């Protein structure tokens, strides 16, 4: 299980969607204006949880960041040509 969104507390600031820049597991769904978590991309880094001032997203207790998963999922940055 990865990050869980409490849609009752969500205000639409999108801070959490920008927080994890390694694998980008969060995306904004404009209908019905929710944040969606792609559980295949979330590596439990807690960046979204730490940045949310409203407590609208949490990673379940006891979960540790999975660095191997992050490295396997990370998209290489490409230089503009």
C-alpha atoms as a PDB file:
ATOM      1  CA  UNK A   1       0.000   0.000   0.000  1.00  0.00           C
ATOM      2  CA  UNK A   2       1.276   3.480  -0.832  1.00  0.00           C
ATOM      3  CA  UNK A   3       0.174   7.066  -0.210  1.00  0.00           C
ATOM      4  CA  UNK A   4      -3.506   7.499   0.654  1.00  0.00           C
ATOM      5  CA  UNK A   5      -5.461  10.680  -0.129  1.00  0.00           C
ATOM      6  CA  UNK A   6      -8.180  11.990   2.201  1.00  0.00           C
ATOM      7  CA  UNK A   7     -10.384  13.809  -0.309  1.00  0.00           C
ATOM      8  CA  UNK A   8     -12.338  15.512   2.471  1.00  0.00           C
ATOM      9  CA  UNK A   9      -9.194  17.407   3.524  1.00  0.00           C
ATOM     10  CA  UNK A  10      -7.905  18.104   0.017  1.00  0.00           C
ATOM     11  CA  UNK A  11      -8.094  21.722  -1.143  1.00  0.00           C
ATOM     12  CA  UNK A  12      -6.637  21.530  -4.663  1.00  0.00           C
ATOM     13  CA  UNK A  13      -3.251  23.174  -4.050  1.00  0.00           C
ATOM     14  CA  UNK A  14      -1.432  20.333  -5.907  1.00  0.00           C
ATOM     15  CA  UNK A  15       1.659  20.599  -3.688  1.00  0.00           C
ATOM     16  CA  UNK A  16       1.670  16.836  -3.200  1.00  0.00           C
ATOM     17  CA  UNK A  17       1.557  16.176  -6.946  1.00  0.00           C
ATOM     18  CA  UNK A  18       4.742  18.209  -7.378  1.00  0.00           C
ATOM     19  CA  UNK A  19       6.549  16.841  -4.330  1.00  0.00           C
ATOM     20  CA  UNK A  20       7.787  13.490  -5.644  1.00  0.00           C
ATOM     21  CA  UNK A  21       9.956  14.399  -8.592  1.00  0.00           C
ATOM     22  CA  UNK A  22      11.606  10.998  -8.899  1.00  0.00           C
ATOM     23  CA  UNK A  23       8.743   8.852 -10.211  1.00  0.00           C
ATOM     24  CA  UNK A  24       5.730  11.224 -10.363  1.00  0.00           C
ATOM     25  CA  UNK A  25       3.165   8.850  -8.822  1.00  0.00           C
ATOM     26  CA  UNK A  26       0.555  11.578  -8.182  1.00  0.00           C
ATOM     27  CA  UNK A  27      -1.622  13.243 -10.775  1.00  0.00           C
ATOM     28  CA  UNK A  28      -4.507  15.685 -10.672  1.00  0.00           C
ATOM     29  CA  UNK A  29      -7.823  14.422 -11.974  1.00  0.00           C
ATOM     30  CA  UNK A  30      -9.868  17.477 -12.869  1.00  0.00           C
ATOM     31  CA  UNK A  31     -13.079  15.455 -12.759  1.00  0.00           C
ATOM     32  CA  UNK A  32     -13.863  15.421  -9.768  1.00  0.00           C
ATOM     33  CA  UNK A  33     -10.755  17.483  -8.858  1.00  0.00           C
ATOM     34  CA  UNK A  34      -8.980  14.721  -6.955  1.00  0.00           C
ATOM     35  CA  UNK A  35      -5.404  13.654  -6.635  1.00  0.00           C
ATOM     36  CA  UNK A  36      -4.836  10.100  -7.838  1.00  0.00           C
ATOM     37  CA  UNK A  37      -2.001   7.891  -6.647  1.00  0.00           C
ATOM     38  CA  UNK A  38      -0.472   5.490  -9.148  1.00  0.00           C
ATOM     39  CA  UNK A  39       0.441   2.707  -6.744  1.00  0.00           C
ATOM     40  CA  UNK A  40       2.815   1.187  -9.298  1.00  0.00           C
ATOM     41  CA  UNK A  41       4.939   4.359  -9.190  1.00  0.00           C
ATOM     42  CA  UNK A  42       4.778   5.267  -5.492  1.00  0.00           C
ATOM     43  CA  UNK A  43       7.923   4.244  -3.610  1.00  0.00           C
ATOM     44  CA  UNK A  44       6.785   5.534  -0.183  1.00  0.00           C
ATOM     45  CA  UNK A  45       9.195   8.481  -0.012  1.00  0.00           C
ATOM     46  CA  UNK A  46       6.691  10.542   2.056  1.00  0.00           C
ATOM     47  CA  UNK A  47       7.520  13.760   0.172  1.00  0.00           C
ATOM     48  CA  UNK A  48       3.802  14.285  -0.507  1.00  0.00           C
ATOM     49  CA  UNK A  49       2.924  13.692   3.131  1.00  0.00           C
ATOM     50  CA  UNK A  50       5.590  16.101   4.401  1.00  0.00           C
ATOM     51  CA  UNK A  51       4.616  18.935   2.057  1.00  0.00           C
ATOM     52  CA  UNK A  52       0.830  18.799   2.595  1.00  0.00           C
ATOM     53  CA  UNK A  53      -0.191  21.540   5.066  1.00  0.00           C
ATOM     54  CA  UNK A  54      -3.695  20.052   5.348  1.00  0.00           C
ATOM     55  CA  UNK A  55      -2.848  16.441   6.235  1.00  0.00           C
ATOM     56  CA  UNK A  56      -4.718  15.289   3.142  1.00  0.00           C
ATOM     57  CA  UNK A  57      -2.206  12.643   2.099  1.00  0.00           C
ATOM     58  CA  UNK A  58      -0.394  10.081   4.226  1.00  0.00           C
ATOM     59  CA  UNK A  59       1.793   7.049   3.762  1.00  0.00           C
ATOM     60  CA  UNK A  60       0.725   4.229   6.096  1.00  0.00           C
ATOM     61  CA  UNK A  61       2.761   3.900   9.291  1.00  0.00           C
ATOM     62  CA  UNK A  62       5.721   1.583   9.120  1.00  0.00           C
ATOM     63  CA  UNK A  63       6.329   2.025   5.403  1.00  0.00           C
ATOM     64  CA  UNK A  64       9.939   2.823   4.539  1.00  0.00           C
ATOM     65  CA  UNK A  65      11.120   4.415   1.295  1.00  0.00           C
ATOM     66  CA  UNK A  66      11.973   1.734  -1.256  1.00  0.00           C
ATOM     67  CA  UNK A  67      15.114   3.107  -2.876  1.00  0.00           C
ATOM     68  CA  UNK A  68      15.543   0.120  -5.196  1.00  0.00           C
ATOM     69  CA  UNK A  69      12.030   0.618  -6.530  1.00  0.00           C
ATOM     70  CA  UNK A  70      12.677   4.347  -6.986  1.00  0.00           C
ATOM     71  CA  UNK A  71      15.840   3.666  -8.959  1.00  0.00           C
ATOM     72  CA  UNK A  72      14.096   1.071 -11.109  1.00  0.00           C
ATOM     73  CA  UNK A  73      11.225   3.473 -11.888  1.00  0.00           C
ATOM     74  CA  UNK A  74      13.150   6.710 -12.324  1.00  0.00           C
ATOM     75  CA  UNK A  75      13.023   8.137 -15.804  1.00  0.00           C
ATOM     76  CA  UNK A  76      16.431   9.294 -16.947  1.00  0.00           C
ATOM     77  CA  UNK A  77      16.674  13.042 -17.438  1.00  0.00           C
ATOM     78  CA  UNK A  78      17.483  13.845 -21.016  1.00  0.00           C
ATOM     79  CA  UNK A  79      19.406  16.898 -22.110  1.00  0.00           C
ATOM     80  CA  UNK A  80      17.614  19.169 -24.567  1.00  0.00           C
ATOM     81  CA  UNK A  81      19.130  19.002 -28.004  1.00  0.00           C
END
